Protein backbone atom coordinates (compact mmCIF):
# COMPACT_ATOMS: atom_id res chain seq x y z
CA UNK A 1 0.00 0.00 0.00
CA UNK A 2 1.27 3.44 -0.96
CA UNK A 3 0.42 6.13 1.58
CA UNK A 4 0.25 9.80 0.63
CA UNK A 5 -0.12 12.71 3.06
CA UNK A 6 -1.36 15.87 1.34
CA UNK A 7 -1.67 19.28 2.96
CA UNK A 8 -4.08 21.88 1.63
CA UNK A 9 -6.23 18.96 0.51
CA UNK A 10 -9.69 20.55 0.61
CA UNK A 11 -9.38 22.54 -2.63
CA UNK A 12 -7.27 23.25 -5.69
CA UNK A 13 -4.31 21.02 -6.47
CA UNK A 14 -4.50 19.30 -3.08
CA UNK A 15 -8.10 18.24 -3.60
CA UNK A 16 -7.30 16.92 -7.08
CA UNK A 17 -4.28 15.01 -5.79
CA UNK A 18 -6.45 13.31 -3.18
CA UNK A 19 -9.13 12.48 -5.72
CA UNK A 20 -6.78 11.08 -8.35
CA UNK A 21 -4.54 9.15 -5.99
CA UNK A 22 -7.50 7.58 -4.19
CA UNK A 23 -9.09 6.84 -7.55
CA UNK A 24 -6.22 4.58 -8.53
CA UNK A 25 -6.21 2.73 -5.21
CA UNK A 26 -3.64 4.56 -3.10
CA UNK A 27 -4.35 5.51 0.49
CA UNK A 28 -4.42 9.26 0.96
CA UNK A 29 -4.71 11.25 4.16
CA UNK A 30 -5.39 14.92 3.65
CA UNK A 31 -4.77 17.80 6.02
CA UNK A 32 -6.76 21.00 5.58
CA UNK A 33 -8.20 23.87 7.55
CA UNK A 34 -11.75 22.89 6.55
CA UNK A 35 -13.58 19.68 5.62
CA UNK A 36 -16.87 20.74 4.11
CA UNK A 37 -17.17 17.46 2.21
CA UNK A 38 -16.93 15.51 5.48
CA UNK A 39 -14.28 13.27 3.94
CA UNK A 40 -13.22 10.68 6.50
CA UNK A 41 -9.67 10.76 5.13
CA UNK A 42 -9.33 14.51 5.61
CA UNK A 43 -7.95 15.76 8.93
CA UNK A 44 -8.73 19.32 9.94
CA UNK A 45 -5.80 21.42 11.13
CA UNK A 46 -4.84 25.06 10.77
CA UNK A 47 -1.24 25.00 9.56
CA UNK A 48 -0.64 28.50 10.90
CA UNK A 49 -0.99 26.95 14.38
CA UNK A 50 2.14 24.84 14.32
CA UNK A 51 2.41 23.42 17.82
CA UNK A 52 0.59 20.12 17.10
CA UNK A 53 1.63 19.43 13.51
CA UNK A 54 4.37 16.98 14.43
CA UNK A 55 1.84 14.91 16.40
CA UNK A 56 -0.34 14.56 13.31
CA UNK A 57 2.50 13.09 11.28
CA UNK A 58 3.61 10.82 14.10
CA UNK A 59 0.07 9.46 14.49
CA UNK A 60 -0.38 8.86 10.75
CA UNK A 61 2.93 7.00 10.52
CA UNK A 62 2.23 4.91 13.61
CA UNK A 63 -1.21 3.86 12.33
CA UNK A 64 0.08 2.85 8.89
CA UNK A 65 3.63 1.66 9.47
CA UNK A 66 2.79 -2.04 9.39
CA UNK A 67 0.76 -1.88 6.17
CA UNK A 68 2.36 0.83 4.02
CA UNK A 69 5.09 -0.02 1.52
CA UNK A 70 5.84 3.65 0.79
CA UNK A 71 5.21 7.03 2.38
CA UNK A 72 4.97 10.35 0.53
CA UNK A 73 4.47 13.74 2.18
CA UNK A 74 3.18 16.43 -0.19
CA UNK A 75 3.53 19.91 1.31
CA UNK A 76 0.99 21.61 -0.93
CA UNK A 77 -0.78 24.10 1.35
CA UNK A 78 0.16 27.71 0.77
CA UNK A 79 -1.07 31.28 0.72
CA UNK A 80 -0.12 34.16 -1.57
CA UNK A 81 -1.38 36.69 0.96
CA UNK A 82 -0.52 39.21 2.22
CA UNK A 83 -0.01 40.97 -1.11
CA UNK A 84 1.59 44.39 -0.85
CA UNK A 85 4.80 46.33 -0.92
CA UNK A 86 7.07 45.86 2.06
CA UNK A 87 6.35 48.69 4.44
CA UNK A 88 2.59 48.25 4.02
CA UNK A 89 2.18 44.64 5.20
CA UNK A 90 0.01 43.66 8.16
CA UNK A 91 2.31 41.97 10.69
CA UNK A 92 -0.21 39.33 11.74
CA UNK A 93 -0.86 38.24 8.15
CA UNK A 94 2.89 38.16 7.49
CA UNK A 95 3.42 35.88 10.48
CA UNK A 96 0.59 33.58 9.42
CA UNK A 97 1.96 33.31 5.87
CA UNK A 98 5.42 32.41 7.16
CA UNK A 99 3.85 29.67 9.27
CA UNK A 100 1.72 28.17 6.50
CA UNK A 101 4.22 28.46 3.64
CA UNK A 102 7.47 27.65 5.42
CA UNK A 103 7.32 26.78 9.11
CA UNK A 104 4.61 24.12 8.71
CA UNK A 105 6.35 22.28 5.84
CA UNK A 106 9.59 22.30 7.83
CA UNK A 107 7.91 20.90 10.94
CA UNK A 108 5.97 18.28 8.99
CA UNK A 109 9.09 17.22 7.07
CA UNK A 110 11.14 17.03 10.25
CA UNK A 111 8.51 14.83 11.94
CA UNK A 112 8.14 12.70 8.77
CA UNK A 113 11.88 12.00 8.52
CA UNK A 114 12.16 11.30 12.23
CA UNK A 115 9.17 8.95 12.44
CA UNK A 116 10.33 6.97 9.39
CA UNK A 117 14.05 6.90 10.15
CA UNK A 118 14.19 3.08 10.23
CA UNK A 119 11.57 2.47 7.55
CA UNK A 120 13.25 0.69 4.65
CA UNK A 121 10.59 1.33 2.00
CA UNK A 122 10.29 4.26 -0.37
CA UNK A 123 10.03 7.68 1.28
CA UNK A 124 9.49 10.98 -0.47
CA UNK A 125 8.82 14.61 0.36
CA UNK A 126 7.28 16.73 -2.39
CA UNK A 127 7.29 20.45 -1.63
CA UNK A 128 5.04 22.52 -3.90
CA UNK A 129 7.09 25.60 -4.64
CA UNK A 130 6.68 28.44 -7.13
CA UNK A 131 8.57 30.42 -9.70
CA UNK A 132 8.13 33.23 -7.20
CA UNK A 133 10.72 31.50 -5.03
CA UNK A 134 13.23 31.80 -7.85
CA UNK A 135 12.38 35.27 -9.19
CA UNK A 136 11.52 38.49 -7.30
CA UNK A 137 8.12 40.10 -7.86
CA UNK A 138 7.06 43.45 -6.42
CA UNK A 139 4.20 43.05 -4.00
CA UNK A 140 5.02 39.43 -3.28
CA UNK A 141 7.80 39.99 -0.77
CA UNK A 142 6.30 37.51 1.69
CA UNK A 143 5.29 34.88 -0.86
CA UNK A 144 8.59 35.03 -2.76
CA UNK A 145 10.59 34.79 0.45
CA UNK A 146 8.69 31.82 1.84
CA UNK A 147 8.93 29.87 -1.42
CA UNK A 148 12.65 30.66 -1.73
CA UNK A 149 13.01 29.39 1.82
CA UNK A 150 11.14 26.20 0.94
CA UNK A 151 13.47 25.64 -2.01
CA UNK A 152 16.59 26.08 0.09
CA UNK A 153 15.19 23.92 2.88
CA UNK A 154 14.70 21.20 0.27
CA UNK A 155 18.31 21.56 -0.86
CA UNK A 156 19.55 21.13 2.70
CA UNK A 157 17.35 18.11 3.44
CA UNK A 158 18.39 16.48 0.17
CA UNK A 159 22.04 16.98 1.06
CA UNK A 160 21.54 15.56 4.54
CA UNK A 161 19.64 12.55 3.25
CA UNK A 162 22.59 11.50 1.10
CA UNK A 163 24.17 10.25 4.32
CA UNK A 164 21.06 8.56 5.76
CA UNK A 165 20.84 4.77 6.05
CA UNK A 166 17.34 4.80 4.54
CA UNK A 167 17.16 8.14 2.75
CA UNK A 168 14.14 10.25 1.92
CA UNK A 169 13.95 11.61 -1.64
CA UNK A 170 13.12 15.33 -1.63
CA UNK A 171 11.94 17.62 -4.40
CA UNK A 172 10.72 21.21 -4.41
CA UNK A 173 8.71 21.57 -7.58
CA UNK A 174 7.14 24.62 -9.20
CA UNK A 175 3.78 23.56 -10.71
CA UNK A 176 3.25 26.44 -13.11
CA UNK A 177 0.38 28.94 -13.08
CA UNK A 178 -2.78 27.15 -11.99
CA UNK A 179 -6.43 28.20 -12.20
CA UNK A 180 -7.22 27.98 -8.49
CA UNK A 181 -8.49 30.20 -5.70
CA UNK A 182 -4.98 31.60 -5.32
CA UNK A 183 -5.21 33.10 -8.80
CA UNK A 184 -8.59 34.62 -7.91
CA UNK A 185 -6.95 36.25 -4.90
CA UNK A 186 -4.19 37.65 -7.12
CA UNK A 187 -6.66 39.05 -9.67
CA UNK A 188 -8.75 40.66 -6.95
CA UNK A 189 -5.74 42.39 -5.41
CA UNK A 190 -5.02 46.10 -5.79
CA UNK A 191 -2.69 46.99 -8.67
CA UNK A 192 -0.93 49.45 -6.36
CA UNK A 193 -0.06 46.54 -4.07
CA UNK A 194 0.90 44.20 -6.91
CA UNK A 195 2.30 45.95 -10.02
CA UNK A 196 2.00 42.76 -12.10
CA UNK A 197 -1.75 42.58 -11.46
CA UNK A 198 -2.76 43.18 -15.11
CA UNK A 199 -0.43 40.45 -16.35
CA UNK A 200 -2.20 37.87 -14.19
CA UNK A 201 -5.60 39.10 -15.35
CA UNK A 202 -4.38 38.54 -18.91
CA UNK A 203 -3.23 35.00 -18.05
CA UNK A 204 -6.84 34.17 -17.15
CA UNK A 205 -8.45 35.97 -20.06
CA UNK A 206 -6.10 34.43 -22.61
CA UNK A 207 -6.44 30.89 -21.26
CA UNK A 208 -2.85 30.54 -20.07
CA UNK A 209 -3.75 28.94 -16.74
CA UNK A 210 -3.44 25.20 -16.22
CA UNK A 211 -6.28 23.38 -14.47
CA UNK A 212 -5.83 21.89 -11.02
CA UNK A 213 -6.87 18.54 -12.49
CA UNK A 214 -4.18 18.56 -15.16
CA UNK A 215 -1.52 19.82 -12.74
CA UNK A 216 -2.31 17.07 -10.23
CA UNK A 217 -2.06 14.50 -13.02
CA UNK A 218 1.37 15.82 -14.00
CA UNK A 219 2.56 15.83 -10.39
CA UNK A 220 1.48 12.22 -9.95
CA UNK A 221 3.30 11.34 -13.17
CA UNK A 222 6.46 12.93 -11.74
CA UNK A 223 6.10 11.01 -8.47
CA UNK A 224 5.66 7.75 -10.39
CA UNK A 225 8.93 8.12 -12.26
CA UNK A 226 11.65 5.59 -11.57
CA UNK A 227 14.21 8.40 -11.62
CA UNK A 228 12.25 10.56 -9.16
CA UNK A 229 15.18 10.70 -6.76
CA UNK A 230 17.37 12.24 -9.45
CA UNK A 231 14.97 15.03 -10.45
CA UNK A 232 15.50 17.28 -7.43
CA UNK A 233 15.99 18.92 -5.18
CA UNK A 234 14.75 21.84 -7.33
CA UNK A 235 12.48 21.29 -10.32
CA UNK A 236 9.83 22.88 -12.53
CA UNK A 237 6.97 20.71 -13.76
CA UNK A 238 7.05 22.51 -17.11
CA UNK A 239 10.62 21.33 -17.71
CA UNK A 240 10.09 17.64 -16.88
CA UNK A 241 9.04 15.36 -19.69
CA UNK A 242 6.31 12.81 -18.97
Foldseek 3Di string as FASTA:
>chain_A
DEEEEAEPLQWFLNVLLCVVCVVVPYHYAYEYCDDPVPDPRYHHDQQLPPPCLLVVLLVVCVVCVVPHQEYEYELDDAAQPPFFAPVPHDPVGLSSRLRNLAVSVVSNVVSNCVNCLPPQHAAEYEYAAACLCVDPFQRRPSNNVSRVNVLVVLVVLLVVQVPGPRGYQAAHEHLPAAPTVNLVVLLPDDCNRGVCNVVSVVCVVVVVHHYSNVSSVLVVVLVPDPCNSVQDNYYYSVPDDD
